[in-house]
């Protein structure tokens, strides 16, 4: 089953890099220079290939360096900001964009996830804060 309307991670990154770069008033060359100064030797053509969809992959190091150069959190490049769309969480798993953002932040799992396993991979301090927040919600609902 094809998901023609779902945005892939690389498509999202390409669009968001272009938007963030333009918002900052940077040229593709200026972004390439910034990336190179941060240890990622990209040239203007590499930036352009990404933004126009002719580059089919982005490594984790590249994503993090792009986010740093554009002064945004990596998630804001990885997933579209609009919540109404569909995002390809895996090559065969489209999910709502908002759900993907929560999953990437470690807030909620995707469907068919064992919550015990999901919670065991959360740092203890975050898990305590998460559980306290859930308790406050329940207390506020009179449960």
Protein backbone atom coordinates (compact mmCIF):
# COMPACT_ATOMS: atom_id res chain seq x y z
CA UNK A 1 0.00 0.00 0.00
CA UNK A 2 1.46 3.33 -1.06
CA UNK A 3 1.11 6.46 1.03
CA UNK A 4 1.40 9.18 -1.58
CA UNK A 5 0.25 11.99 0.70
CA UNK A 6 2.59 11.11 3.57
CA UNK A 7 5.78 13.12 4.01
CA UNK A 8 9.00 11.16 4.43
CA UNK A 9 11.63 12.28 6.93
CA UNK A 10 14.01 13.47 4.19
CA UNK A 11 11.22 15.40 2.44
CA UNK A 12 10.35 17.07 5.73
CA UNK A 13 13.97 17.95 6.41
CA UNK A 14 14.39 19.40 2.91
CA UNK A 15 11.31 21.59 3.22
CA UNK A 16 12.05 22.71 6.76
CA UNK A 17 15.73 23.52 5.99
CA UNK A 18 14.63 25.66 3.05
CA UNK A 19 12.00 27.44 5.18
CA UNK A 20 14.33 28.01 8.15
CA UNK A 21 17.19 29.18 5.92
CA UNK A 22 14.92 31.61 4.07
CA UNK A 23 13.42 32.87 7.33
CA UNK A 24 16.93 33.70 8.53
CA UNK A 25 17.73 35.42 5.24
CA UNK A 26 20.60 33.02 4.50
CA UNK A 27 21.70 31.98 1.05
CA UNK A 28 22.48 28.33 0.32
CA UNK A 29 26.16 29.32 0.19
CA UNK A 30 25.98 30.98 3.61
CA UNK A 31 24.40 27.87 5.09
CA UNK A 32 27.05 25.69 3.45
CA UNK A 33 29.79 27.92 4.90
CA UNK A 34 28.20 27.72 8.36
CA UNK A 35 27.93 23.94 8.16
CA UNK A 36 31.56 23.66 7.04
CA UNK A 37 32.69 25.83 9.96
CA UNK A 38 30.86 23.38 12.26
CA UNK A 39 32.73 20.39 10.80
CA UNK A 40 30.23 19.33 8.13
CA UNK A 41 31.92 19.97 4.77
CA UNK A 42 28.88 20.81 2.63
CA UNK A 43 28.96 23.09 -0.39
CA UNK A 44 26.17 25.16 -1.94
CA UNK A 45 25.28 22.33 -4.33
CA UNK A 46 24.73 19.92 -1.44
CA UNK A 47 22.37 22.36 0.28
CA UNK A 48 20.52 22.90 -3.01
CA UNK A 49 20.28 19.17 -3.72
CA UNK A 50 18.74 18.61 -0.28
CA UNK A 51 16.26 21.46 -0.58
CA UNK A 52 15.14 20.42 -4.08
CA UNK A 53 14.70 16.75 -3.26
CA UNK A 54 17.65 15.48 -5.28
CA UNK A 55 19.40 14.25 -2.11
CA UNK A 56 17.73 11.12 -0.82
CA UNK A 57 19.24 10.83 2.65
CA UNK A 58 20.44 12.84 5.63
CA UNK A 59 22.61 11.32 8.35
CA UNK A 60 21.99 11.94 12.03
CA UNK A 61 25.16 14.05 12.21
CA UNK A 62 23.97 16.11 9.25
CA UNK A 63 20.52 16.61 10.81
CA UNK A 64 22.02 17.76 14.11
CA UNK A 65 24.47 20.11 12.41
CA UNK A 66 21.74 21.57 10.17
CA UNK A 67 19.57 22.18 13.23
CA UNK A 68 22.45 23.83 15.08
CA UNK A 69 23.33 26.05 12.11
CA UNK A 70 19.70 27.10 11.67
CA UNK A 71 19.19 27.66 15.44
CA UNK A 72 16.28 25.20 15.74
CA UNK A 73 15.65 21.95 17.58
CA UNK A 74 16.27 18.87 15.41
CA UNK A 75 12.64 17.79 15.69
CA UNK A 76 11.59 21.02 13.98
CA UNK A 77 13.54 19.96 10.90
CA UNK A 78 12.67 16.28 11.08
CA UNK A 79 8.87 16.59 11.21
CA UNK A 80 6.61 19.19 9.56
CA UNK A 81 5.21 21.81 11.92
CA UNK A 82 1.64 21.40 10.66
CA UNK A 83 -0.36 18.83 12.60
CA UNK A 84 -2.90 17.94 9.91
CA UNK A 85 -0.68 15.83 7.69
CA UNK A 86 0.69 12.32 7.60
CA UNK A 87 4.33 11.40 8.27
CA UNK A 88 6.16 8.21 7.38
CA UNK A 89 7.50 7.12 10.79
CA UNK A 90 9.01 4.06 9.10
CA UNK A 91 9.02 3.09 5.40
CA UNK A 92 5.72 1.22 5.91
CA UNK A 93 4.10 3.14 8.78
CA UNK A 94 2.31 6.42 8.14
CA UNK A 95 1.19 8.25 11.26
CA UNK A 96 -0.38 11.61 11.95
CA UNK A 97 2.24 14.34 12.04
CA UNK A 98 1.37 15.36 15.60
CA UNK A 99 1.71 11.74 16.74
CA UNK A 100 5.13 11.50 15.11
CA UNK A 101 6.30 14.63 16.95
CA UNK A 102 5.15 13.21 20.31
CA UNK A 103 6.79 9.86 19.56
CA UNK A 104 10.11 11.45 18.58
CA UNK A 105 10.02 13.51 21.78
CA UNK A 106 9.52 10.28 23.75
CA UNK A 107 6.12 11.36 25.08
CA UNK A 108 3.88 8.71 23.54
CA UNK A 109 4.59 5.48 21.69
CA UNK A 110 3.30 4.57 18.29
CA UNK A 111 0.59 1.94 18.07
CA UNK A 112 1.27 -1.64 19.12
CA UNK A 113 4.09 -0.65 21.48
CA UNK A 114 4.62 -2.35 24.81
CA UNK A 115 4.36 0.54 27.32
CA UNK A 116 6.51 -1.29 29.86
CA UNK A 117 9.39 -1.41 27.38
CA UNK A 118 8.72 2.14 26.17
CA UNK A 119 8.90 3.50 29.72
CA UNK A 120 12.03 1.51 30.66
CA UNK A 121 14.00 3.46 28.06
CA UNK A 122 13.09 6.84 29.56
CA UNK A 123 15.63 8.46 31.91
CA UNK A 124 14.41 8.16 35.50
CA UNK A 125 14.04 11.93 36.04
CA UNK A 126 11.92 12.28 32.90
CA UNK A 127 9.80 9.29 33.89
CA UNK A 128 9.12 10.80 37.33
CA UNK A 129 8.11 14.10 35.74
CA UNK A 130 5.95 12.24 33.21
CA UNK A 131 4.23 10.22 35.96
CA UNK A 132 3.70 13.36 38.10
CA UNK A 133 2.12 15.13 35.13
CA UNK A 134 -0.20 12.17 34.51
CA UNK A 135 -1.17 12.15 38.20
CA UNK A 136 -2.00 15.88 38.08
CA UNK A 137 -4.22 15.26 35.05
CA UNK A 138 -6.04 12.47 36.85
CA UNK A 139 -6.43 14.57 40.03
CA UNK A 140 -7.84 17.43 37.96
CA UNK A 141 -10.38 15.10 36.39
CA UNK A 142 -11.56 13.88 39.80
CA UNK A 143 -10.34 10.32 39.23
